[in-house]
């Protein structure tokens, strides 16, 4: 199987480790809906039908309006249709992180060029909500502990697609980076763990410096020898 076929197979066979989560936290289960599975399959066939080794960027977990809907990390329904040319029936809500990532994609030369080099995923491939709001896996210690082994297994499975093992980038330089560093110390997946700024942080708090952070993404991705 090529890179894209392996991704599609992975998502088709992804299973939740436990149904009931602690402390009123719930899974975002859209990923398991037929339309989401179909949409992500179209995306990965379009951009990943090769055997290129890719640089891995790992986010936290999908949110309600991006990957939690489309199944494609950091890709909201609007970018999926307008930039990637994949028509969809999802509610057309934009998501801030998706907007930034697709500014990076555009600066890289467009989705064909970007996804030829980069694979984006998350430490937890399935997202969470609490009281109808996004929650990160590390926001609840019990949740993180319960899912630790499973999250590591999901990264392990995705590494088999053909990842560049020189370096992996945490999307965000805070808690997500610390978790990825700890996991890498335990498993020795990559020679180095680094980070790129989190898109939401850029868009909410550093918008005037956006181009600087886009350039940082480009520099770090292209510095990895293919």
Foldseek 3Di string as FASTA:
>chain_A
DALLVLVLVCLQPDDDPDQDDPDQKHWLPLSNDPQLSVQSSVVSVVAGRHHAAAAEEAEFEDFCAACSHNVAPLHGQVCCCPQVVRHGDDDDDDDQQSVLVVVLCVVQPGRNRVSSHYHYAYLDHIFMDHPNGGDTCVVDVRSCVVCVVVSLVSVVSSVVNRYDQAEHEYADDPPRQVSVVVSCVVVVRHPYYYYAYHRVCCVPPVVVCSVVSSVVVVVVSVVDDD
